[in-house]
PDB file of N, CA and C in Angstrom:
ATOM      1  N   UNK A   1      71.452  79.642 121.509  1.00  0.00           N
ATOM      2  CA  UNK A   1      72.216  79.484 120.287  1.00  0.00           C
ATOM      3  C   UNK A   1      73.046  80.741 120.040  1.00  0.00           C
ATOM      4  N   UNK A   2      74.143  80.534 119.383  1.00  0.00           N
ATOM      5  CA  UNK A   2      75.048  81.638 119.105  1.00  0.00           C
ATOM      6  C   UNK A   2      75.862  81.300 117.865  1.00  0.00           C
ATOM      7  N   UNK A   3      76.594  82.293 117.372  1.00  0.00           N
ATOM      8  CA  UNK A   3      77.443  82.082 116.216  1.00  0.00           C
ATOM      9  C   UNK A   3      78.871  81.861 116.692  1.00  0.00           C
ATOM     10  N   UNK A   4      79.456  80.796 116.230  1.00  0.00           N
ATOM     11  CA  UNK A   4      80.872  80.536 116.481  1.00  0.00           C
ATOM     12  C   UNK A   4      81.621  80.958 115.215  1.00  0.00           C
ATOM     13  N   UNK A   5      82.539  81.879 115.364  1.00  0.00           N
ATOM     14  CA  UNK A   5      83.303  82.383 114.217  1.00  0.00           C
ATOM     15  C   UNK A   5      84.603  81.610 114.100  1.00  0.00           C
ATOM     16  N   UNK A   6      84.921  81.180 112.904  1.00  0.00           N
ATOM     17  CA  UNK A   6      86.208  80.572 112.618  1.00  0.00           C
ATOM     18  C   UNK A   6      86.886  81.428 111.562  1.00  0.00           C
ATOM     19  N   UNK A   7      88.191  81.617 111.717  1.00  0.00           N
ATOM     20  CA  UNK A   7      88.917  82.421 110.738  1.00  0.00           C
ATOM     21  C   UNK A   7      90.214  81.741 110.369  1.00  0.00           C
ATOM     22  N   UNK A   8      90.667  82.065 109.188  1.00  0.00           N
ATOM     23  CA  UNK A   8      91.996  81.640 108.771  1.00  0.00           C
ATOM     24  C   UNK A   8      92.554  82.702 107.843  1.00  0.00           C
ATOM     25  N   UNK A   9      93.837  82.912 107.937  1.00  0.00           N
ATOM     26  CA  UNK A   9      94.485  83.928 107.113  1.00  0.00           C
ATOM     27  C   UNK A   9      94.783  83.352 105.745  1.00  0.00           C
ATOM     28  N   UNK A  10      94.658  84.215 104.750  1.00  0.00           N
ATOM     29  CA  UNK A  10      94.969  83.845 103.373  1.00  0.00           C
ATOM     30  C   UNK A  10      96.154  84.682 102.924  1.00  0.00           C
ATOM     31  N   UNK A  11      96.946  84.152 102.044  1.00  0.00           N
ATOM     32  CA  UNK A  11      98.132  84.858 101.581  1.00  0.00           C
ATOM     33  C   UNK A  11      97.802  85.971 100.608  1.00  0.00           C
ATOM     34  N   UNK A  12      96.704  85.833  99.888  1.00  0.00           N
ATOM     35  CA  UNK A  12      96.357  86.796  98.850  1.00  0.00           C
ATOM     36  C   UNK A  12      94.897  87.213  99.005  1.00  0.00           C
ATOM     37  N   UNK A  13      94.611  88.490  98.757  1.00  0.00           N
ATOM     38  CA  UNK A  13      93.246  88.980  98.825  1.00  0.00           C
ATOM     39  C   UNK A  13      92.472  88.510  97.601  1.00  0.00           C
ATOM     40  N   UNK A  14      91.237  88.074  97.822  1.00  0.00           N
ATOM     41  CA  UNK A  14      90.413  87.609  96.714  1.00  0.00           C
ATOM     42  C   UNK A  14      89.790  88.771  95.956  1.00  0.00           C
ATOM     43  N   UNK A  15      89.318  89.769  96.680  1.00  0.00           N
ATOM     44  CA  UNK A  15      88.691  90.936  96.072  1.00  0.00           C
ATOM     45  C   UNK A  15      89.585  92.145  96.288  1.00  0.00           C
ATOM     46  N   UNK A  16      89.928  92.803  95.229  1.00  0.00           N
ATOM     47  CA  UNK A  16      90.755  93.995  95.340  1.00  0.00           C
ATOM     48  C   UNK A  16      92.218  93.642  95.470  1.00  0.00           C
ATOM     49  N   UNK A  17      92.988  94.647  95.747  1.00  0.00           N
ATOM     50  CA  UNK A  17      94.428  94.458  95.877  1.00  0.00           C
ATOM     51  C   UNK A  17      94.796  94.358  97.332  1.00  0.00           C
ATOM     52  N   UNK A  18      95.862  93.712  97.566  1.00  0.00           N
ATOM     53  CA  UNK A  18      96.338  93.575  98.927  1.00  0.00           C
ATOM     54  C   UNK A  18      97.039  92.248  99.094  1.00  0.00           C
ATOM     55  N   UNK A  19      97.849  92.191 100.119  1.00  0.00           N
ATOM     56  CA  UNK A  19      98.639  90.979 100.316  1.00  0.00           C
ATOM     57  C   UNK A  19      97.864  89.918 101.069  1.00  0.00           C
ATOM     58  N   UNK A  20      97.219  90.293 102.127  1.00  0.00           N
ATOM     59  CA  UNK A  20      96.572  89.287 102.954  1.00  0.00           C
ATOM     60  C   UNK A  20      95.078  89.495 103.069  1.00  0.00           C
ATOM     61  N   UNK A  21      94.414  88.441 103.433  1.00  0.00           N
ATOM     62  CA  UNK A  21      92.974  88.489 103.616  1.00  0.00           C
ATOM     63  C   UNK A  21      92.631  87.496 104.721  1.00  0.00           C
ATOM     64  N   UNK A  22      91.453  87.635 105.284  1.00  0.00           N
ATOM     65  CA  UNK A  22      90.998  86.707 106.306  1.00  0.00           C
ATOM     66  C   UNK A  22      89.705  86.079 105.813  1.00  0.00           C
ATOM     67  N   UNK A  23      89.654  84.757 105.883  1.00  0.00           N
ATOM     68  CA  UNK A  23      88.468  84.005 105.493  1.00  0.00           C
ATOM     69  C   UNK A  23      87.688  83.680 106.764  1.00  0.00           C
ATOM     70  N   UNK A  24      86.404  84.019 106.789  1.00  0.00           N
ATOM     71  CA  UNK A  24      85.562  83.803 107.965  1.00  0.00           C
ATOM     72  C   UNK A  24      84.493  82.765 107.666  1.00  0.00           C
ATOM     73  N   UNK A  25      84.160  81.969 108.667  1.00  0.00           N
ATOM     74  CA  UNK A  25      83.042  81.034 108.614  1.00  0.00           C
ATOM     75  C   UNK A  25      82.159  81.303 109.821  1.00  0.00           C
ATOM     76  N   UNK A  26      80.853  81.388 109.580  1.00  0.00           N
ATOM     77  CA  UNK A  26      79.888  81.583 110.660  1.00  0.00           C
ATOM     78  C   UNK A  26      79.142  80.270 110.865  1.00  0.00           C
ATOM     79  N   UNK A  27      79.269  79.718 112.055  1.00  0.00           N
ATOM     80  CA  UNK A  27      78.664  78.434 112.372  1.00  0.00           C
ATOM     81  C   UNK A  27      77.696  78.626 113.531  1.00  0.00           C
ATOM     82  N   UNK A  28      76.473  78.177 113.336  1.00  0.00           N
ATOM     83  CA  UNK A  28      75.464  78.261 114.384  1.00  0.00           C
ATOM     84  C   UNK A  28      75.676  77.088 115.336  1.00  0.00           C
ATOM     85  N   UNK A  29      75.821  77.395 116.616  1.00  0.00           N
ATOM     86  CA  UNK A  29      76.097  76.364 117.613  1.00  0.00           C
ATOM     87  C   UNK A  29      75.290  76.642 118.877  1.00  0.00           C
ATOM     88  N   UNK A  30      75.255  75.650 119.738  1.00  0.00           N
ATOM     89  CA  UNK A  30      74.632  75.832 121.047  1.00  0.00           C
ATOM     90  C   UNK A  30      75.474  75.109 122.085  1.00  0.00           C
ATOM     91  N   UNK A  31      75.381  75.559 123.306  1.00  0.00           N
ATOM     92  CA  UNK A  31      76.117  74.915 124.392  1.00  0.00           C
ATOM     93  C   UNK A  31      75.387  73.651 124.825  1.00  0.00           C
ATOM     94  N   UNK A  32      76.145  72.626 125.101  1.00  0.00           N
ATOM     95  CA  UNK A  32      75.569  71.361 125.564  1.00  0.00           C
ATOM     96  C   UNK A  32      76.560  70.724 126.522  1.00  0.00           C
ATOM     97  N   UNK A  33      76.091  69.747 127.265  1.00  0.00           N
ATOM     98  CA  UNK A  33      76.965  69.001 128.166  1.00  0.00           C
ATOM     99  C   UNK A  33      76.950  67.541 127.748  1.00  0.00           C
ATOM    100  N   UNK A  34      78.149  67.015 127.600  1.00  0.00           N
ATOM    101  CA  UNK A  34      78.315  65.598 127.286  1.00  0.00           C
ATOM    102  C   UNK A  34      79.147  64.987 128.396  1.00  0.00           C
ATOM    103  N   UNK A  35      78.582  63.996 129.077  1.00  0.00           N
ATOM    104  CA  UNK A  35      79.246  63.372 130.232  1.00  0.00           C
ATOM    105  C   UNK A  35      79.634  64.405 131.278  1.00  0.00           C
ATOM    106  N   UNK A  36      78.788  65.407 131.454  1.00  0.00           N
ATOM    107  CA  UNK A  36      79.025  66.429 132.458  1.00  0.00           C
ATOM    108  C   UNK A  36      80.020  67.504 132.058  1.00  0.00           C
ATOM    109  N   UNK A  37      80.550  67.431 130.854  1.00  0.00           N
ATOM    110  CA  UNK A  37      81.533  68.412 130.402  1.00  0.00           C
ATOM    111  C   UNK A  37      80.907  69.322 129.349  1.00  0.00           C
ATOM    112  N   UNK A  38      81.193  70.634 129.415  1.00  0.00           N
ATOM    113  CA  UNK A  38      80.611  71.552 128.429  1.00  0.00           C
ATOM    114  C   UNK A  38      81.235  71.350 127.051  1.00  0.00           C
ATOM    115  N   UNK A  39      80.395  71.429 126.047  1.00  0.00           N
ATOM    116  CA  UNK A  39      80.854  71.321 124.671  1.00  0.00           C
ATOM    117  C   UNK A  39      79.934  72.145 123.774  1.00  0.00           C
ATOM    118  N   UNK A  40      80.337  72.321 122.543  1.00  0.00           N
ATOM    119  CA  UNK A  40      79.519  73.045 121.580  1.00  0.00           C
ATOM    120  C   UNK A  40      78.888  72.041 120.625  1.00  0.00           C
ATOM    121  N   UNK A  41      77.597  72.191 120.413  1.00  0.00           N
ATOM    122  CA  UNK A  41      76.902  71.331 119.467  1.00  0.00           C
ATOM    123  C   UNK A  41      76.668  72.115 118.187  1.00  0.00           C
ATOM    124  N   UNK A  42      77.165  71.593 117.098  1.00  0.00           N
ATOM    125  CA  UNK A  42      77.024  72.225 115.781  1.00  0.00           C
ATOM    126  C   UNK A  42      75.572  72.096 115.335  1.00  0.00           C
ATOM    127  N   UNK A  43      74.950  73.235 114.984  1.00  0.00           N
ATOM    128  CA  UNK A  43      73.575  73.232 114.500  1.00  0.00           C
ATOM    129  C   UNK A  43      73.560  73.365 112.983  1.00  0.00           C
ATOM    130  N   UNK A  44      74.232  74.392 112.466  1.00  0.00           N
ATOM    131  CA  UNK A  44      74.225  74.627 111.019  1.00  0.00           C
ATOM    132  C   UNK A  44      75.379  75.531 110.631  1.00  0.00           C
ATOM    133  N   UNK A  45      75.773  75.387 109.409  1.00  0.00           N
ATOM    134  CA  UNK A  45      76.779  76.245 108.808  1.00  0.00           C
ATOM    135  C   UNK A  45      76.016  77.374 108.127  1.00  0.00           C
ATOM    136  N   UNK A  46      76.275  78.635 108.497  1.00  0.00           N
ATOM    137  CA  UNK A  46      75.494  79.746 107.962  1.00  0.00           C
ATOM    138  C   UNK A  46      76.084  80.343 106.687  1.00  0.00           C
ATOM    139  N   UNK A  47      77.337  80.787 106.764  1.00  0.00           N
ATOM    140  CA  UNK A  47      77.929  81.471 105.616  1.00  0.00           C
ATOM    141  C   UNK A  47      79.439  81.520 105.773  1.00  0.00           C
ATOM    142  N   UNK A  48      80.121  81.682 104.649  1.00  0.00           N
ATOM    143  CA  UNK A  48      81.570  81.900 104.680  1.00  0.00           C
ATOM    144  C   UNK A  48      81.885  83.043 103.730  1.00  0.00           C
ATOM    145  N   UNK A  49      82.925  83.811 104.060  1.00  0.00           N
ATOM    146  CA  UNK A  49      83.271  84.968 103.238  1.00  0.00           C
ATOM    147  C   UNK A  49      84.675  85.430 103.560  1.00  0.00           C
ATOM    148  N   UNK A  50      85.221  86.238 102.670  1.00  0.00           N
ATOM    149  CA  UNK A  50      86.515  86.881 102.889  1.00  0.00           C
ATOM    150  C   UNK A  50      86.273  88.320 103.312  1.00  0.00           C
ATOM    151  N   UNK A  51      87.149  88.843 104.151  1.00  0.00           N
ATOM    152  CA  UNK A  51      87.004  90.232 104.599  1.00  0.00           C
ATOM    153  C   UNK A  51      87.005  91.199 103.424  1.00  0.00           C
ATOM    154  N   UNK A  52      87.802  90.915 102.408  1.00  0.00           N
ATOM    155  CA  UNK A  52      87.857  91.819 101.261  1.00  0.00           C
ATOM    156  C   UNK A  52      86.533  91.842 100.503  1.00  0.00           C
ATOM    157  N   UNK A  53      85.743  90.782 100.585  1.00  0.00           N
ATOM    158  CA  UNK A  53      84.457  90.732  99.884  1.00  0.00           C
ATOM    159  C   UNK A  53      83.411  91.631 100.537  1.00  0.00           C
ATOM    160  N   UNK A  54      83.512  91.790 101.847  1.00  0.00           N
ATOM    161  CA  UNK A  54      82.504  92.566 102.585  1.00  0.00           C
ATOM    162  C   UNK A  54      82.510  94.032 102.178  1.00  0.00           C
ATOM    163  N   UNK A  55      83.606  94.494 101.630  1.00  0.00           N
ATOM    164  CA  UNK A  55      83.706  95.899 101.212  1.00  0.00           C
ATOM    165  C   UNK A  55      82.887  96.187  99.951  1.00  0.00           C
ATOM    166  N   UNK A  56      82.450  95.167  99.238  1.00  0.00           N
ATOM    167  CA  UNK A  56      81.706  95.345  97.995  1.00  0.00           C
ATOM    168  C   UNK A  56      80.209  95.136  98.235  1.00  0.00           C
ATOM    169  N   UNK A  57      79.382  96.126  97.888  1.00  0.00           N
ATOM    170  CA  UNK A  57      77.939  96.010  98.132  1.00  0.00           C
ATOM    171  C   UNK A  57      77.309  94.792  97.472  1.00  0.00           C
ATOM    172  N   UNK A  58      77.746  94.428  96.257  1.00  0.00           N
ATOM    173  CA  UNK A  58      77.185  93.248  95.590  1.00  0.00           C
ATOM    174  C   UNK A  58      77.474  91.984  96.397  1.00  0.00           C
ATOM    175  N   UNK A  59      78.659  91.899  96.957  1.00  0.00           N
ATOM    176  CA  UNK A  59      79.015  90.732  97.751  1.00  0.00           C
ATOM    177  C   UNK A  59      78.250  90.699  99.068  1.00  0.00           C
ATOM    178  N   UNK A  60      78.018  91.876  99.665  1.00  0.00           N
ATOM    179  CA  UNK A  60      77.207  91.927 100.882  1.00  0.00           C
ATOM    180  C   UNK A  60      75.795  91.437 100.595  1.00  0.00           C
ATOM    181  N   UNK A  61      75.233  91.872  99.475  1.00  0.00           N
ATOM    182  CA  UNK A  61      73.899  91.424  99.080  1.00  0.00           C
ATOM    183  C   UNK A  61      73.879  89.910  98.942  1.00  0.00           C
ATOM    184  N   UNK A  62      74.869  89.354  98.266  1.00  0.00           N
ATOM    185  CA  UNK A  62      74.955  87.912  98.083  1.00  0.00           C
ATOM    186  C   UNK A  62      75.040  87.199  99.435  1.00  0.00           C
ATOM    187  N   UNK A  63      75.865  87.723 100.338  1.00  0.00           N
ATOM    188  CA  UNK A  63      76.009  87.101 101.656  1.00  0.00           C
ATOM    189  C   UNK A  63      74.691  87.095 102.421  1.00  0.00           C
ATOM    190  N   UNK A  64      73.987  88.230 102.405  1.00  0.00           N
ATOM    191  CA  UNK A  64      72.723  88.304 103.134  1.00  0.00           C
ATOM    192  C   UNK A  64      71.654  87.422 102.500  1.00  0.00           C
ATOM    193  N   UNK A  65      71.703  87.232 101.178  1.00  0.00           N
ATOM    194  CA  UNK A  65      70.757  86.312 100.530  1.00  0.00           C
ATOM    195  C   UNK A  65      71.027  84.881 100.991  1.00  0.00           C
ATOM    196  N   UNK A  66      72.298  84.504 101.051  1.00  0.00           N
ATOM    197  CA  UNK A  66      72.661  83.161 101.519  1.00  0.00           C
ATOM    198  C   UNK A  66      72.259  82.962 102.988  1.00  0.00           C
ATOM    199  N   UNK A  67      72.475  83.981 103.804  1.00  0.00           N
ATOM    200  CA  UNK A  67      72.112  83.892 105.220  1.00  0.00           C
ATOM    201  C   UNK A  67      70.608  83.721 105.362  1.00  0.00           C
ATOM    202  N   UNK A  68      69.830  84.479 104.586  1.00  0.00           N
ATOM    203  CA  UNK A  68      68.371  84.375 104.647  1.00  0.00           C
ATOM    204  C   UNK A  68      67.909  82.963 104.269  1.00  0.00           C
ATOM    205  N   UNK A  69      68.545  82.367 103.258  1.00  0.00           N
ATOM    206  CA  UNK A  69      68.206  80.997 102.858  1.00  0.00           C
ATOM    207  C   UNK A  69      68.482  80.015 103.993  1.00  0.00           C
ATOM    208  N   UNK A  70      69.639  80.143 104.612  1.00  0.00           N
ATOM    209  CA  UNK A  70      70.000  79.234 105.692  1.00  0.00           C
ATOM    210  C   UNK A  70      69.061  79.395 106.894  1.00  0.00           C
ATOM    211  N   UNK A  71      68.749  80.633 107.255  1.00  0.00           N
ATOM    212  CA  UNK A  71      67.858  80.868 108.395  1.00  0.00           C
ATOM    213  C   UNK A  71      66.448  80.385 108.101  1.00  0.00           C
ATOM    214  N   UNK A  72      66.021  80.468 106.845  1.00  0.00           N
ATOM    215  CA  UNK A  72      64.698  79.960 106.468  1.00  0.00           C
ATOM    216  C   UNK A  72      64.641  78.443 106.661  1.00  0.00           C
ATOM    217  N   UNK A  73      65.729  77.759 106.371  1.00  0.00           N
ATOM    218  CA  UNK A  73      65.779  76.311 106.578  1.00  0.00           C
ATOM    219  C   UNK A  73      65.700  75.945 108.057  1.00  0.00           C
ATOM    220  N   UNK A  74      66.176  76.844 108.894  1.00  0.00           N
ATOM    221  CA  UNK A  74      66.216  76.594 110.334  1.00  0.00           C
ATOM    222  C   UNK A  74      65.040  77.214 111.077  1.00  0.00           C
ATOM    223  N   UNK A  75      64.025  77.600 110.344  1.00  0.00           N
ATOM    224  CA  UNK A  75      62.909  78.353 110.921  1.00  0.00           C
ATOM    225  C   UNK A  75      62.275  77.653 112.122  1.00  0.00           C
ATOM    226  N   UNK A  76      62.128  76.339 112.067  1.00  0.00           N
ATOM    227  CA  UNK A  76      61.470  75.610 113.151  1.00  0.00           C
ATOM    228  C   UNK A  76      62.349  75.498 114.395  1.00  0.00           C
ATOM    229  N   UNK A  77      63.660  75.616 114.224  1.00  0.00           N
ATOM    230  CA  UNK A  77      64.583  75.493 115.357  1.00  0.00           C
ATOM    231  C   UNK A  77      64.822  76.798 116.101  1.00  0.00           C
ATOM    232  N   UNK A  78      64.640  77.925 115.407  1.00  0.00           N
ATOM    233  CA  UNK A  78      65.015  79.224 115.971  1.00  0.00           C
ATOM    234  C   UNK A  78      63.818  79.959 116.554  1.00  0.00           C
ATOM    235  N   UNK A  79      64.002  80.462 117.748  1.00  0.00           N
ATOM    236  CA  UNK A  79      62.991  81.353 118.324  1.00  0.00           C
ATOM    237  C   UNK A  79      63.231  82.756 117.773  1.00  0.00           C
ATOM    238  N   UNK A  80      62.254  83.644 117.854  1.00  0.00           N
ATOM    239  CA  UNK A  80      62.477  85.020 117.388  1.00  0.00           C
ATOM    240  C   UNK A  80      63.642  85.700 118.111  1.00  0.00           C
ATOM    241  N   UNK A  81      63.845  85.397 119.397  1.00  0.00           N
ATOM    242  CA  UNK A  81      64.954  85.981 120.145  1.00  0.00           C
ATOM    243  C   UNK A  81      66.291  85.481 119.608  1.00  0.00           C
ATOM    244  N   UNK A  82      66.367  84.172 119.345  1.00  0.00           N
ATOM    245  CA  UNK A  82      67.600  83.609 118.779  1.00  0.00           C
ATOM    246  C   UNK A  82      67.898  84.223 117.421  1.00  0.00           C
ATOM    247  N   UNK A  83      66.875  84.370 116.607  1.00  0.00           N
ATOM    248  CA  UNK A  83      67.051  84.942 115.271  1.00  0.00           C
ATOM    249  C   UNK A  83      67.608  86.367 115.356  1.00  0.00           C
ATOM    250  N   UNK A  84      67.105  87.165 116.293  1.00  0.00           N
ATOM    251  CA  UNK A  84      67.590  88.540 116.455  1.00  0.00           C
ATOM    252  C   UNK A  84      69.034  88.568 116.951  1.00  0.00           C
ATOM    253  N   UNK A  85      69.383  87.683 117.883  1.00  0.00           N
ATOM    254  CA  UNK A  85      70.762  87.626 118.372  1.00  0.00           C
ATOM    255  C   UNK A  85      71.717  87.218 117.247  1.00  0.00           C
ATOM    256  N   UNK A  86      71.301  86.269 116.443  1.00  0.00           N
ATOM    257  CA  UNK A  86      72.130  85.813 115.320  1.00  0.00           C
ATOM    258  C   UNK A  86      72.316  86.942 114.319  1.00  0.00           C
ATOM    259  N   UNK A  87      71.230  87.625 113.990  1.00  0.00           N
ATOM    260  CA  UNK A  87      71.311  88.725 113.028  1.00  0.00           C
ATOM    261  C   UNK A  87      72.224  89.837 113.556  1.00  0.00           C
ATOM    262  N   UNK A  88      72.129  90.156 114.842  1.00  0.00           N
ATOM    263  CA  UNK A  88      72.969  91.207 115.428  1.00  0.00           C
ATOM    264  C   UNK A  88      74.449  90.825 115.349  1.00  0.00           C
ATOM    265  N   UNK A  89      74.764  89.562 115.595  1.00  0.00           N
ATOM    266  CA  UNK A  89      76.158  89.117 115.515  1.00  0.00           C
ATOM    267  C   UNK A  89      76.668  89.193 114.075  1.00  0.00           C
ATOM    268  N   UNK A  90      75.817  88.844 113.123  1.00  0.00           N
ATOM    269  CA  UNK A  90      76.207  88.914 111.713  1.00  0.00           C
ATOM    270  C   UNK A  90      76.393  90.355 111.254  1.00  0.00           C
ATOM    271  N   UNK A  91      75.541  91.253 111.726  1.00  0.00           N
ATOM    272  CA  UNK A  91      75.647  92.673 111.352  1.00  0.00           C
ATOM    273  C   UNK A  91      76.976  93.243 111.837  1.00  0.00           C
ATOM    274  N   UNK A  92      77.426  92.841 113.020  1.00  0.00           N
ATOM    275  CA  UNK A  92      78.712  93.331 113.532  1.00  0.00           C
ATOM    276  C   UNK A  92      79.867  92.967 112.606  1.00  0.00           C
ATOM    277  N   UNK A  93      79.814  91.780 112.026  1.00  0.00           N
ATOM    278  CA  UNK A  93      80.922  91.296 111.208  1.00  0.00           C
ATOM    279  C   UNK A  93      80.772  91.677 109.728  1.00  0.00           C
ATOM    280  N   UNK A  94      79.560  91.628 109.201  1.00  0.00           N
ATOM    281  CA  UNK A  94      79.333  91.817 107.764  1.00  0.00           C
ATOM    282  C   UNK A  94      78.850  93.227 107.431  1.00  0.00           C
ATOM    283  N   UNK A  95      78.066  93.813 108.314  1.00  0.00           N
ATOM    284  CA  UNK A  95      77.427  95.092 108.042  1.00  0.00           C
ATOM    285  C   UNK A  95      75.924  94.869 107.893  1.00  0.00           C
ATOM    286  N   UNK A  96      75.176  95.949 107.885  1.00  0.00           N
ATOM    287  CA  UNK A  96      73.718  95.842 107.800  1.00  0.00           C
ATOM    288  C   UNK A  96      73.288  95.274 106.456  1.00  0.00           C
ATOM    289  N   UNK A  97      72.175  94.525 106.456  1.00  0.00           N
ATOM    290  CA  UNK A  97      71.656  94.043 105.169  1.00  0.00           C
ATOM    291  C   UNK A  97      71.183  95.229 104.332  1.00  0.00           C
ATOM    292  N   UNK A  98      71.269  95.115 103.009  1.00  0.00           N
ATOM    293  CA  UNK A  98      70.828  96.225 102.165  1.00  0.00           C
ATOM    294  C   UNK A  98      69.315  96.447 102.283  1.00  0.00           C
ATOM    295  N   UNK A  99      68.919  97.704 102.175  1.00  0.00           N
ATOM    296  CA  UNK A  99      67.498  98.039 102.194  1.00  0.00           C
ATOM    297  C   UNK A  99      66.871  97.618 100.866  1.00  0.00           C
ATOM    298  N   UNK A 100      65.550  97.700 100.777  1.00  0.00           N
ATOM    299  CA  UNK A 100      64.867  97.346  99.521  1.00  0.00           C
ATOM    300  C   UNK A 100      65.326  98.232  98.374  1.00  0.00           C
ATOM    301  N   UNK A 101      65.507  99.514  98.637  1.00  0.00           N
ATOM    302  CA  UNK A 101      65.961 100.434  97.591  1.00  0.00           C
ATOM    303  C   UNK A 101      67.382 100.097  97.155  1.00  0.00           C
ATOM    304  N   UNK A 102      68.241  99.789  98.104  1.00  0.00           N
ATOM    305  CA  UNK A 102      69.614  99.416  97.770  1.00  0.00           C
ATOM    306  C   UNK A 102      69.643  98.102  96.988  1.00  0.00           C
ATOM    307  N   UNK A 103      68.792  97.151  97.378  1.00  0.00           N
ATOM    308  CA  UNK A 103      68.718  95.873  96.664  1.00  0.00           C
ATOM    309  C   UNK A 103      68.270  96.092  95.224  1.00  0.00           C
ATOM    310  N   UNK A 104      67.272  96.943  95.045  1.00  0.00           N
ATOM    311  CA  UNK A 104      66.780  97.218  93.693  1.00  0.00           C
ATOM    312  C   UNK A 104      67.875  97.855  92.841  1.00  0.00           C
ATOM    313  N   UNK A 105      68.607  98.805  93.411  1.00  0.00           N
ATOM    314  CA  UNK A 105      69.693  99.458  92.673  1.00  0.00           C
ATOM    315  C   UNK A 105      70.790  98.454  92.323  1.00  0.00           C
ATOM    316  N   UNK A 106      71.131  97.575  93.254  1.00  0.00           N
ATOM    317  CA  UNK A 106      72.157  96.562  92.990  1.00  0.00           C
ATOM    318  C   UNK A 106      71.686  95.560  91.938  1.00  0.00           C
ATOM    319  N   UNK A 107      70.395  95.219  91.976  1.00  0.00           N
ATOM    320  CA  UNK A 107      69.852  94.313  90.965  1.00  0.00           C
ATOM    321  C   UNK A 107      69.888  94.946  89.577  1.00  0.00           C
ATOM    322  N   UNK A 108      69.550  96.237  89.496  1.00  0.00           N
ATOM    323  CA  UNK A 108      69.615  96.937  88.201  1.00  0.00           C
ATOM    324  C   UNK A 108      71.060  96.990  87.699  1.00  0.00           C
ATOM    325  N   UNK A 109      71.970  97.261  88.596  1.00  0.00           N
ATOM    326  CA  UNK A 109      73.387  97.312  88.236  1.00  0.00           C
ATOM    327  C   UNK A 109      73.861  95.945  87.738  1.00  0.00           C
ATOM    328  N   UNK A 110      73.450  94.887  88.414  1.00  0.00           N
ATOM    329  CA  UNK A 110      73.831  93.537  88.009  1.00  0.00           C
ATOM    330  C   UNK A 110      73.262  93.204  86.628  1.00  0.00           C
ATOM    331  N   UNK A 111      72.013  93.596  86.363  1.00  0.00           N
ATOM    332  CA  UNK A 111      71.391  93.350  85.061  1.00  0.00           C
ATOM    333  C   UNK A 111      72.120  94.107  83.950  1.00  0.00           C
ATOM    334  N   UNK A 112      72.534  95.335  84.248  1.00  0.00           N
ATOM    335  CA  UNK A 112      73.275  96.119  83.249  1.00  0.00           C
ATOM    336  C   UNK A 112      74.599  95.450  82.934  1.00  0.00           C
ATOM    337  N   UNK A 113      75.285  94.980  83.955  1.00  0.00           N
ATOM    338  CA  UNK A 113      76.581  94.344  83.738  1.00  0.00           C
ATOM    339  C   UNK A 113      76.409  93.041  82.966  1.00  0.00           C
ATOM    340  N   UNK A 114      75.442  92.232  83.358  1.00  0.00           N
ATOM    341  CA  UNK A 114      75.235  90.958  82.684  1.00  0.00           C
ATOM    342  C   UNK A 114      74.679  91.144  81.272  1.00  0.00           C
ATOM    343  N   UNK A 115      73.952  92.230  81.076  1.00  0.00           N
ATOM    344  CA  UNK A 115      73.410  92.494  79.744  1.00  0.00           C
ATOM    345  C   UNK A 115      74.484  92.894  78.741  1.00  0.00           C
ATOM    346  N   UNK A 116      75.591  93.425  79.226  1.00  0.00           N
ATOM    347  CA  UNK A 116      76.656  93.860  78.321  1.00  0.00           C
ATOM    348  C   UNK A 116      77.623  92.737  77.965  1.00  0.00           C
ATOM    349  N   UNK A 117      77.504  91.603  78.630  1.00  0.00           N
ATOM    350  CA  UNK A 117      78.432  90.492  78.344  1.00  0.00           C
ATOM    351  C   UNK A 117      78.076  89.764  77.079  1.00  0.00           C
TER     352      UNK A 117
END
């Protein structure tokens, strides 16, 4: 199993300023043969995000939470080796998942912001 990346350019950045942005989709797939011809078999849709969002720690936290949910659903299908390969591919594109201390700090920050609304 591997991650198939799909991208499309956007005219406007969603997060921050800028003219263009790239929208990414991470799709879990595996190689298969149909009628003797190689093809990709779609396993699951993992996550989608904009490049401008990855620059924000809160958005990275959100992305990794969504990825963890999706991988938990696929627990019976994934071997530990597949899970590590998938995580390594995601880290290259998104960045490392936040540590427990970073998550706690981001959660406190989110509570402060939501408490002031």
